[in-house]
Amino acid sequence: MKLVEFTYTKSDSSTSTRAVIELVQPTKFFEGIDVSHMTNDELAEFCSEYSTLKQEQHLATNNLLQKFDLKHNYRRFIPEQMTSVQTDYV
């Protein structure tokens, strides 16, 4: 996992020191799994299995977040407002 520590300056000029486990990197691209070559039956089977997998992962993630009292700690930061950035892999 990628742990990013930085100082964040909000639009009101207030600052805070943050430590964030990165989930999504800033990007200008649309990203996803290209299923163009699949038949309708293959796509239906894949979507069913993928949906189940994502639901199980979502439940497990929520349980872990609750265990560590982090359920309401998802944040978004504007990269241009981040300074003193340090990255570690944990």
PDB file of N, CA and C in Angstrom:
ATOM      1  N   MET A   1       0.841  -1.183   0.000  1.00  0.00           N
ATOM      2  CA  MET A   1       0.000   0.000   0.000  1.00  0.00           C
ATOM      3  C   MET A   1       0.880   1.237   0.000  1.00  0.00           C
ATOM      4  N   LYS A   2       0.332   2.279  -0.563  1.00  0.00           N
ATOM      5  CA  LYS A   2       1.072   3.534  -0.672  1.00  0.00           C
ATOM      6  C   LYS A   2       0.550   4.520   0.377  1.00  0.00           C
ATOM      7  N   LEU A   3       1.416   4.931   1.290  1.00  0.00           N
ATOM      8  CA  LEU A   3       1.100   5.919   2.319  1.00  0.00           C
ATOM      9  C   LEU A   3       1.715   7.246   1.895  1.00  0.00           C
ATOM     10  N   VAL A   4       0.879   8.275   1.771  1.00  0.00           N
ATOM     11  CA  VAL A   4       1.345   9.596   1.351  1.00  0.00           C
ATOM     12  C   VAL A   4       1.131  10.566   2.497  1.00  0.00           C
ATOM     13  N   GLU A   5       2.207  11.236   2.912  1.00  0.00           N
ATOM     14  CA  GLU A   5       2.132  12.238   3.976  1.00  0.00           C
ATOM     15  C   GLU A   5       2.423  13.595   3.352  1.00  0.00           C
ATOM     16  N   PHE A   6       1.637  14.613   3.747  1.00  0.00           N
ATOM     17  CA  PHE A   6       1.800  15.926   3.129  1.00  0.00           C
ATOM     18  C   PHE A   6       1.155  17.001   3.991  1.00  0.00           C
ATOM     19  N   THR A   7       1.476  18.242   3.649  1.00  0.00           N
ATOM     20  CA  THR A   7       0.813  19.400   4.227  1.00  0.00           C
ATOM     21  C   THR A   7      -0.196  19.872   3.202  1.00  0.00           C
ATOM     22  N   TYR A   8      -1.426  20.077   3.637  1.00  0.00           N
ATOM     23  CA  TYR A   8      -2.495  20.476   2.716  1.00  0.00           C
ATOM     24  C   TYR A   8      -2.960  21.886   3.042  1.00  0.00           C
ATOM     25  N   THR A   9      -3.049  22.729   2.010  1.00  0.00           N
ATOM     26  CA  THR A   9      -3.516  24.101   2.173  1.00  0.00           C
ATOM     27  C   THR A   9      -4.901  24.219   1.549  1.00  0.00           C
ATOM     28  N   LYS A  10      -5.893  24.536   2.371  1.00  0.00           N
ATOM     29  CA  LYS A  10      -7.263  24.690   1.881  1.00  0.00           C
ATOM     30  C   LYS A  10      -7.433  26.051   1.212  1.00  0.00           C
ATOM     31  N   SER A  11      -8.558  26.242   0.543  1.00  0.00           N
ATOM     32  CA  SER A  11      -8.805  27.493  -0.170  1.00  0.00           C
ATOM     33  C   SER A  11      -8.869  28.696   0.767  1.00  0.00           C
ATOM     34  N   ASP A  12      -9.154  28.462   2.059  1.00  0.00           N
ATOM     35  CA  ASP A  12      -9.180  29.564   3.030  1.00  0.00           C
ATOM     36  C   ASP A  12      -7.791  29.824   3.637  1.00  0.00           C
ATOM     37  N   SER A  13      -6.759  29.177   3.070  1.00  0.00           N
ATOM     38  CA  SER A  13      -5.354  29.299   3.482  1.00  0.00           C
ATOM     39  C   SER A  13      -5.018  28.560   4.773  1.00  0.00           C
ATOM     40  N   SER A  14      -5.943  27.857   5.377  1.00  0.00           N
ATOM     41  CA  SER A  14      -5.620  27.053   6.552  1.00  0.00           C
ATOM     42  C   SER A  14      -4.872  25.802   6.082  1.00  0.00           C
ATOM     43  N   THR A  15      -3.969  25.297   6.935  1.00  0.00           N
ATOM     44  CA  THR A  15      -3.169  24.130   6.568  1.00  0.00           C
ATOM     45  C   THR A  15      -3.366  23.014   7.586  1.00  0.00           C
ATOM     46  N   SER A  16      -3.122  21.801   7.105  1.00  0.00           N
ATOM     47  CA  SER A  16      -3.160  20.641   7.995  1.00  0.00           C
ATOM     48  C   SER A  16      -2.155  19.618   7.487  1.00  0.00           C
ATOM     49  N   THR A  17      -1.613  18.845   8.396  1.00  0.00           N
ATOM     50  CA  THR A  17      -0.695  17.769   8.046  1.00  0.00           C
ATOM     51  C   THR A  17      -1.505  16.494   7.938  1.00  0.00           C
ATOM     52  N   ARG A  18      -1.333  15.769   6.833  1.00  0.00           N
ATOM     53  CA  ARG A  18      -2.146  14.591   6.556  1.00  0.00           C
ATOM     54  C   ARG A  18      -1.285  13.364   6.299  1.00  0.00           C
ATOM     55  N   ALA A  19      -1.809  12.191   6.625  1.00  0.00           N
ATOM     56  CA  ALA A  19      -1.240  10.894   6.271  1.00  0.00           C
ATOM     57  C   ALA A  19      -2.389  10.091   5.662  1.00  0.00           C
ATOM     58  N   VAL A  20      -2.252   9.723   4.391  1.00  0.00           N
ATOM     59  CA  VAL A  20      -3.348   9.115   3.645  1.00  0.00           C
ATOM     60  C   VAL A  20      -2.865   7.846   2.944  1.00  0.00           C
ATOM     61  N   ILE A  21      -3.625   6.766   3.055  1.00  0.00           N
ATOM     62  CA  ILE A  21      -3.373   5.579   2.255  1.00  0.00           C
ATOM     63  C   ILE A  21      -4.052   5.825   0.915  1.00  0.00           C
ATOM     64  N   GLU A  22      -3.252   5.898  -0.142  1.00  0.00           N
ATOM     65  CA  GLU A  22      -3.765   6.265  -1.463  1.00  0.00           C
ATOM     66  C   GLU A  22      -4.655   5.166  -2.029  1.00  0.00           C
ATOM     67  N   LEU A  23      -5.866   5.545  -2.443  1.00  0.00           N
ATOM     68  CA  LEU A  23      -6.790   4.632  -3.106  1.00  0.00           C
ATOM     69  C   LEU A  23      -6.913   4.944  -4.588  1.00  0.00           C
ATOM     70  N   VAL A  24      -6.877   6.225  -4.948  1.00  0.00           N
ATOM     71  CA  VAL A  24      -7.029   6.659  -6.339  1.00  0.00           C
ATOM     72  C   VAL A  24      -5.998   7.740  -6.621  1.00  0.00           C
ATOM     73  N   GLN A  25      -5.280   7.595  -7.740  1.00  0.00           N
ATOM     74  CA  GLN A  25      -4.317   8.605  -8.132  1.00  0.00           C
ATOM     75  C   GLN A  25      -4.997   9.641  -9.024  1.00  0.00           C
ATOM     76  N   PRO A  26      -4.570  10.895  -8.953  1.00  0.00           N
ATOM     77  CA  PRO A  26      -5.139  11.901  -9.849  1.00  0.00           C
ATOM     78  C   PRO A  26      -4.920  11.494 -11.308  1.00  0.00           C
ATOM     79  N   THR A  27      -5.948  11.667 -12.131  1.00  0.00           N
ATOM     80  CA  THR A  27      -5.840  11.271 -13.524  1.00  0.00           C
ATOM     81  C   THR A  27      -6.813  12.057 -14.392  1.00  0.00           C
ATOM     82  N   LYS A  28      -6.528  12.118 -15.675  1.00  0.00           N
ATOM     83  CA  LYS A  28      -7.424  12.754 -16.632  1.00  0.00           C
ATOM     84  C   LYS A  28      -8.033  11.722 -17.564  1.00  0.00           C
ATOM     85  N   PHE A  29      -7.878  10.445 -17.258  1.00  0.00           N
ATOM     86  CA  PHE A  29      -8.293   9.378 -18.142  1.00  0.00           C
ATOM     87  C   PHE A  29      -9.528   8.649 -17.615  1.00  0.00           C
ATOM     88  N   PHE A  30     -10.318   8.108 -18.517  1.00  0.00           N
ATOM     89  CA  PHE A  30     -11.405   7.204 -18.188  1.00  0.00           C
ATOM     90  C   PHE A  30     -10.792   5.814 -18.152  1.00  0.00           C
ATOM     91  N   GLU A  31     -10.980   5.083 -17.074  1.00  0.00           N
ATOM     92  CA  GLU A  31     -10.347   3.781 -16.919  1.00  0.00           C
ATOM     93  C   GLU A  31     -11.384   2.710 -16.638  1.00  0.00           C
ATOM     94  N   GLY A  32     -11.131   1.516 -17.129  1.00  0.00           N
ATOM     95  CA  GLY A  32     -12.035   0.414 -16.871  1.00  0.00           C
ATOM     96  C   GLY A  32     -11.559  -0.849 -17.562  1.00  0.00           C
ATOM     97  N   ILE A  33     -12.342  -1.899 -17.436  1.00  0.00           N
ATOM     98  CA  ILE A  33     -12.032  -3.188 -18.048  1.00  0.00           C
ATOM     99  C   ILE A  33     -12.724  -3.231 -19.408  1.00  0.00           C
ATOM    100  N   ASP A  34     -11.954  -3.425 -20.469  1.00  0.00           N
ATOM    101  CA  ASP A  34     -12.506  -3.456 -21.825  1.00  0.00           C
ATOM    102  C   ASP A  34     -13.097  -4.839 -22.094  1.00  0.00           C
ATOM    103  N   VAL A  35     -14.407  -4.904 -22.226  1.00  0.00           N
ATOM    104  CA  VAL A  35     -15.108  -6.166 -22.448  1.00  0.00           C
ATOM    105  C   VAL A  35     -15.706  -6.220 -23.856  1.00  0.00           C
ATOM    106  N   SER A  36     -15.179  -5.419 -24.763  1.00  0.00           N
ATOM    107  CA  SER A  36     -15.725  -5.296 -26.111  1.00  0.00           C
ATOM    108  C   SER A  36     -15.810  -6.628 -26.856  1.00  0.00           C
ATOM    109  N   HIS A  37     -14.858  -7.506 -26.629  1.00  0.00           N
ATOM    110  CA  HIS A  37     -14.770  -8.761 -27.382  1.00  0.00           C
ATOM    111  C   HIS A  37     -15.678  -9.862 -26.851  1.00  0.00           C
ATOM    112  N   MET A  38     -16.331  -9.647 -25.706  1.00  0.00           N
ATOM    113  CA  MET A  38     -17.120 -10.708 -25.079  1.00  0.00           C
ATOM    114  C   MET A  38     -18.504 -10.839 -25.713  1.00  0.00           C
ATOM    115  N   THR A  39     -18.993 -12.072 -25.731  1.00  0.00           N
ATOM    116  CA  THR A  39     -20.376 -12.288 -26.170  1.00  0.00           C
ATOM    117  C   THR A  39     -21.304 -11.820 -25.056  1.00  0.00           C
ATOM    118  N   ASN A  40     -22.577 -11.672 -25.361  1.00  0.00           N
ATOM    119  CA  ASN A  40     -23.541 -11.248 -24.340  1.00  0.00           C
ATOM    120  C   ASN A  40     -23.598 -12.230 -23.182  1.00  0.00           C
ATOM    121  N   ASP A  41     -23.526 -13.535 -23.479  1.00  0.00           N
ATOM    122  CA  ASP A  41     -23.556 -14.544 -22.414  1.00  0.00           C
ATOM    123  C   ASP A  41     -22.315 -14.459 -21.533  1.00  0.00           C
ATOM    124  N   GLU A  42     -21.141 -14.308 -22.161  1.00  0.00           N
ATOM    125  CA  GLU A  42     -19.899 -14.177 -21.399  1.00  0.00           C
ATOM    126  C   GLU A  42     -19.935 -12.916 -20.541  1.00  0.00           C
ATOM    127  N   LEU A  43     -20.422 -11.823 -21.131  1.00  0.00           N
ATOM    128  CA  LEU A  43     -20.500 -10.562 -20.398  1.00  0.00           C
ATOM    129  C   LEU A  43     -21.435 -10.684 -19.209  1.00  0.00           C
ATOM    130  N   ALA A  44     -22.575 -11.329 -19.394  1.00  0.00           N
ATOM    131  CA  ALA A  44     -23.529 -11.515 -18.298  1.00  0.00           C
ATOM    132  C   ALA A  44     -22.912 -12.339 -17.177  1.00  0.00           C
ATOM    133  N   GLU A  45     -22.199 -13.404 -17.521  1.00  0.00           N
ATOM    134  CA  GLU A  45     -21.557 -14.247 -16.511  1.00  0.00           C
ATOM    135  C   GLU A  45     -20.463 -13.466 -15.777  1.00  0.00           C
ATOM    136  N   PHE A  46     -19.633 -12.755 -16.554  1.00  0.00           N
ATOM    137  CA  PHE A  46     -18.571 -11.963 -15.943  1.00  0.00           C
ATOM    138  C   PHE A  46     -19.151 -10.917 -14.995  1.00  0.00           C
ATOM    139  N   CYS A  47     -20.162 -10.183 -15.463  1.00  0.00           N
ATOM    140  CA  CYS A  47     -20.753  -9.118 -14.647  1.00  0.00           C
ATOM    141  C   CYS A  47     -21.339  -9.664 -13.349  1.00  0.00           C
ATOM    142  N   SER A  48     -21.967 -10.815 -13.425  1.00  0.00           N
ATOM    143  CA  SER A  48     -22.543 -11.429 -12.234  1.00  0.00           C
ATOM    144  C   SER A  48     -21.449 -11.778 -11.221  1.00  0.00           C
ATOM    145  N   GLU A  49     -20.394 -12.440 -11.697  1.00  0.00           N
ATOM    146  CA  GLU A  49     -19.305 -12.837 -10.799  1.00  0.00           C
ATOM    147  C   GLU A  49     -18.541 -11.622 -10.276  1.00  0.00           C
ATOM    148  N   TYR A  50     -18.303 -10.643 -11.150  1.00  0.00           N
ATOM    149  CA  TYR A  50     -17.574  -9.444 -10.750  1.00  0.00           C
ATOM    150  C   TYR A  50     -18.377  -8.653  -9.719  1.00  0.00           C
ATOM    151  N   SER A  51     -19.664  -8.550  -9.924  1.00  0.00           N
ATOM    152  CA  SER A  51     -20.533  -7.844  -8.984  1.00  0.00           C
ATOM    153  C   SER A  51     -20.494  -8.503  -7.609  1.00  0.00           C
ATOM    154  N   THR A  52     -20.580  -9.829  -7.575  1.00  0.00           N
ATOM    155  CA  THR A  52     -20.510 -10.558  -6.305  1.00  0.00           C
ATOM    156  C   THR A  52     -19.175 -10.311  -5.610  1.00  0.00           C
ATOM    157  N   LEU A  53     -18.099 -10.377  -6.375  1.00  0.00           N
ATOM    158  CA  LEU A  53     -16.758 -10.130  -5.831  1.00  0.00           C
ATOM    159  C   LEU A  53     -16.658  -8.727  -5.239  1.00  0.00           C
ATOM    160  N   LYS A  54     -17.152  -7.719  -5.985  1.00  0.00           N
ATOM    161  CA  LYS A  54     -17.093  -6.335  -5.502  1.00  0.00           C
ATOM    162  C   LYS A  54     -17.941  -6.150  -4.248  1.00  0.00           C
ATOM    163  N   GLN A  55     -19.112  -6.796  -4.185  1.00  0.00           N
ATOM    164  CA  GLN A  55     -19.964  -6.703  -2.994  1.00  0.00           C
ATOM    165  C   GLN A  55     -19.270  -7.300  -1.779  1.00  0.00           C
ATOM    166  N   GLU A  56     -18.636  -8.469  -1.954  1.00  0.00           N
ATOM    167  CA  GLU A  56     -17.910  -9.103  -0.852  1.00  0.00           C
ATOM    168  C   GLU A  56     -16.751  -8.223  -0.386  1.00  0.00           C
ATOM    169  N   GLN A  57     -16.029  -7.644  -1.335  1.00  0.00           N
ATOM    170  CA  GLN A  57     -14.917  -6.758  -0.993  1.00  0.00           C
ATOM    171  C   GLN A  57     -15.431  -5.522  -0.260  1.00  0.00           C
ATOM    172  N   HIS A  58     -16.538  -4.959  -0.728  1.00  0.00           N
ATOM    173  CA  HIS A  58     -17.125  -3.772  -0.101  1.00  0.00           C
ATOM    174  C   HIS A  58     -17.516  -4.062   1.351  1.00  0.00           C
ATOM    175  N   LEU A  59     -18.157  -5.193   1.579  1.00  0.00           N
ATOM    176  CA  LEU A  59     -18.545  -5.566   2.940  1.00  0.00           C
ATOM    177  C   LEU A  59     -17.322  -5.761   3.832  1.00  0.00           C
ATOM    178  N   ALA A  60     -16.314  -6.458   3.311  1.00  0.00           N
ATOM    179  CA  ALA A  60     -15.097  -6.688   4.094  1.00  0.00           C
ATOM    180  C   ALA A  60     -14.388  -5.368   4.402  1.00  0.00           C
ATOM    181  N   THR A  61     -14.334  -4.470   3.423  1.00  0.00           N
ATOM    182  CA  THR A  61     -13.703  -3.163   3.624  1.00  0.00           C
ATOM    183  C   THR A  61     -14.466  -2.361   4.672  1.00  0.00           C
ATOM    184  N   ASN A  62     -15.790  -2.331   4.582  1.00  0.00           N
ATOM    185  CA  ASN A  62     -16.589  -1.607   5.576  1.00  0.00           C
ATOM    186  C   ASN A  62     -16.395  -2.171   6.974  1.00  0.00           C
ATOM    187  N   ASN A  63     -16.323  -3.479   7.091  1.00  0.00           N
ATOM    188  CA  ASN A  63     -16.086  -4.092   8.403  1.00  0.00           C
ATOM    189  C   ASN A  63     -14.740  -3.660   8.971  1.00  0.00           C
ATOM    190  N   LEU A  64     -13.713  -3.632   8.125  1.00  0.00           N
ATOM    191  CA  LEU A  64     -12.385  -3.210   8.569  1.00  0.00           C
ATOM    192  C   LEU A  64     -12.381  -1.736   8.960  1.00  0.00           C
ATOM    193  N   LEU A  65     -13.032  -0.893   8.158  1.00  0.00           N
ATOM    194  CA  LEU A  65     -13.105   0.533   8.480  1.00  0.00           C
ATOM    195  C   LEU A  65     -13.829   0.756   9.803  1.00  0.00           C
ATOM    196  N   GLN A  66     -14.898   0.022  10.055  1.00  0.00           N
ATOM    197  CA  GLN A  66     -15.619   0.143  11.327  1.00  0.00           C
ATOM    198  C   GLN A  66     -14.751  -0.324  12.492  1.00  0.00           C
ATOM    199  N   LYS A  67     -14.026  -1.421  12.287  1.00  0.00           N
ATOM    200  CA  LYS A  67     -13.160  -1.953  13.343  1.00  0.00           C
ATOM    201  C   LYS A  67     -12.162  -0.897  13.826  1.00  0.00           C
ATOM    202  N   PHE A  68     -11.642  -0.091  12.904  1.00  0.00           N
ATOM    203  CA  PHE A  68     -10.641   0.917  13.251  1.00  0.00           C
ATOM    204  C   PHE A  68     -11.226   2.334  13.289  1.00  0.00           C
ATOM    205  N   ASP A  69     -12.552   2.441  13.336  1.00  0.00           N
ATOM    206  CA  ASP A  69     -13.250   3.727  13.421  1.00  0.00           C
ATOM    207  C   ASP A  69     -12.808   4.693  12.315  1.00  0.00           C
ATOM    208  N   LEU A  70     -12.774   4.180  11.073  1.00  0.00           N
ATOM    209  CA  LEU A  70     -12.361   4.986   9.921  1.00  0.00           C
ATOM    210  C   LEU A  70     -13.470   5.109   8.875  1.00  0.00           C
ATOM    211  N   LYS A  71     -14.689   4.724   9.232  1.00  0.00           N
ATOM    212  CA  LYS A  71     -15.775   4.667   8.250  1.00  0.00           C
ATOM    213  C   LYS A  71     -16.043   6.018   7.579  1.00  0.00           C
ATOM    214  N   HIS A  72     -15.842   7.103   8.282  1.00  0.00           N
ATOM    215  CA  HIS A  72     -16.140   8.426   7.733  1.00  0.00           C
ATOM    216  C   HIS A  72     -14.869   9.230   7.451  1.00  0.00           C
ATOM    217  N   ASN A  73     -13.767   8.554   7.108  1.00  0.00           N
ATOM    218  CA  ASN A  73     -12.486   9.229   6.917  1.00  0.00           C
ATOM    219  C   ASN A  73     -12.012   9.256   5.468  1.00  0.00           C
ATOM    220  N   TYR A  74     -12.889   8.977   4.509  1.00  0.00           N
ATOM    221  CA  TYR A  74     -12.501   9.073   3.102  1.00  0.00           C
ATOM    222  C   TYR A  74     -12.413  10.552   2.736  1.00  0.00           C
ATOM    223  N   ARG A  75     -11.311  10.963   2.135  1.00  0.00           N
ATOM    224  CA  ARG A  75     -11.086  12.365   1.791  1.00  0.00           C
ATOM    225  C   ARG A  75     -10.574  12.475   0.364  1.00  0.00           C
ATOM    226  N   ARG A  76     -10.771  13.651  -0.238  1.00  0.00           N
ATOM    227  CA  ARG A  76     -10.221  13.992  -1.550  1.00  0.00           C
ATOM    228  C   ARG A  76      -9.370  15.239  -1.392  1.00  0.00           C
ATOM    229  N   PHE A  77      -8.191  15.239  -2.012  1.00  0.00           N
ATOM    230  CA  PHE A  77      -7.277  16.367  -1.916  1.00  0.00           C
ATOM    231  C   PHE A  77      -6.895  16.831  -3.317  1.00  0.00           C
ATOM    232  N   ILE A  78      -6.748  18.127  -3.490  1.00  0.00           N
ATOM    233  CA  ILE A  78      -6.317  18.708  -4.760  1.00  0.00           C
ATOM    234  C   ILE A  78      -4.784  18.691  -4.770  1.00  0.00           C
ATOM    235  N   PRO A  79      -4.175  17.954  -5.709  1.00  0.00           N
ATOM    236  CA  PRO A  79      -2.712  17.810  -5.707  1.00  0.00           C
ATOM    237  C   PRO A  79      -1.953  19.130  -5.686  1.00  0.00           C
ATOM    238  N   GLU A  80      -2.474  20.154  -6.358  1.00  0.00           N
ATOM    239  CA  GLU A  80      -1.786  21.444  -6.401  1.00  0.00           C
ATOM    240  C   GLU A  80      -1.728  22.118  -5.031  1.00  0.00           C
ATOM    241  N   GLN A  81      -2.524  21.673  -4.101  1.00  0.00           N
ATOM    242  CA  GLN A  81      -2.552  22.258  -2.764  1.00  0.00           C
ATOM    243  C   GLN A  81      -1.789  21.404  -1.748  1.00  0.00           C
ATOM    244  N   MET A  82      -1.041  20.409  -2.244  1.00  0.00           N
ATOM    245  CA  MET A  82      -0.258  19.535  -1.383  1.00  0.00           C
ATOM    246  C   MET A  82       1.215  19.934  -1.464  1.00  0.00           C
ATOM    247  N   THR A  83       1.866  20.072  -0.314  1.00  0.00           N
ATOM    248  CA  THR A  83       3.286  20.368  -0.264  1.00  0.00           C
ATOM    249  C   THR A  83       3.961  19.412   0.711  1.00  0.00           C
ATOM    250  N   SER A  84       5.283  19.384   0.686  1.00  0.00           N
ATOM    251  CA  SER A  84       6.077  18.512   1.558  1.00  0.00           C
ATOM    252  C   SER A  84       5.597  17.070   1.475  1.00  0.00           C
ATOM    253  N   VAL A  85       5.382  16.600   0.251  1.00  0.00           N
ATOM    254  CA  VAL A  85       4.834  15.263   0.031  1.00  0.00           C
ATOM    255  C   VAL A  85       5.934  14.220   0.210  1.00  0.00           C
ATOM    256  N   GLN A  86       5.637  13.207   1.027  1.00  0.00           N
ATOM    257  CA  GLN A  86       6.522  12.068   1.230  1.00  0.00           C
ATOM    258  C   GLN A  86       5.712  10.806   1.008  1.00  0.00           C
ATOM    259  N   THR A  87       6.314   9.850   0.294  1.00  0.00           N
ATOM    260  CA  THR A  87       5.609   8.609  -0.013  1.00  0.00           C
ATOM    261  C   THR A  87       6.382   7.428   0.549  1.00  0.00           C
ATOM    262  N   ASP A  88       5.659   6.541   1.216  1.00  0.00           N
ATOM    263  CA  ASP A  88       6.221   5.301   1.744  1.00  0.00           C
ATOM    264  C   ASP A  88       5.309   4.160   1.326  1.00  0.00           C
ATOM    265  N   TYR A  89       5.869   2.990   1.183  1.00  0.00           N
ATOM    266  CA  TYR A  89       5.060   1.797   0.911  1.00  0.00           C
ATOM    267  C   TYR A  89       5.006   0.977   2.179  1.00  0.00           C
ATOM    268  N   VAL A  90       3.784   0.740   2.652  1.00  0.00           N
ATOM    269  CA  VAL A  90       3.596   0.040   3.934  1.00  0.00           C
ATOM    270  C   VAL A  90       2.917  -1.289   3.727  1.00  0.00           C
TER     271      VAL A  90
END
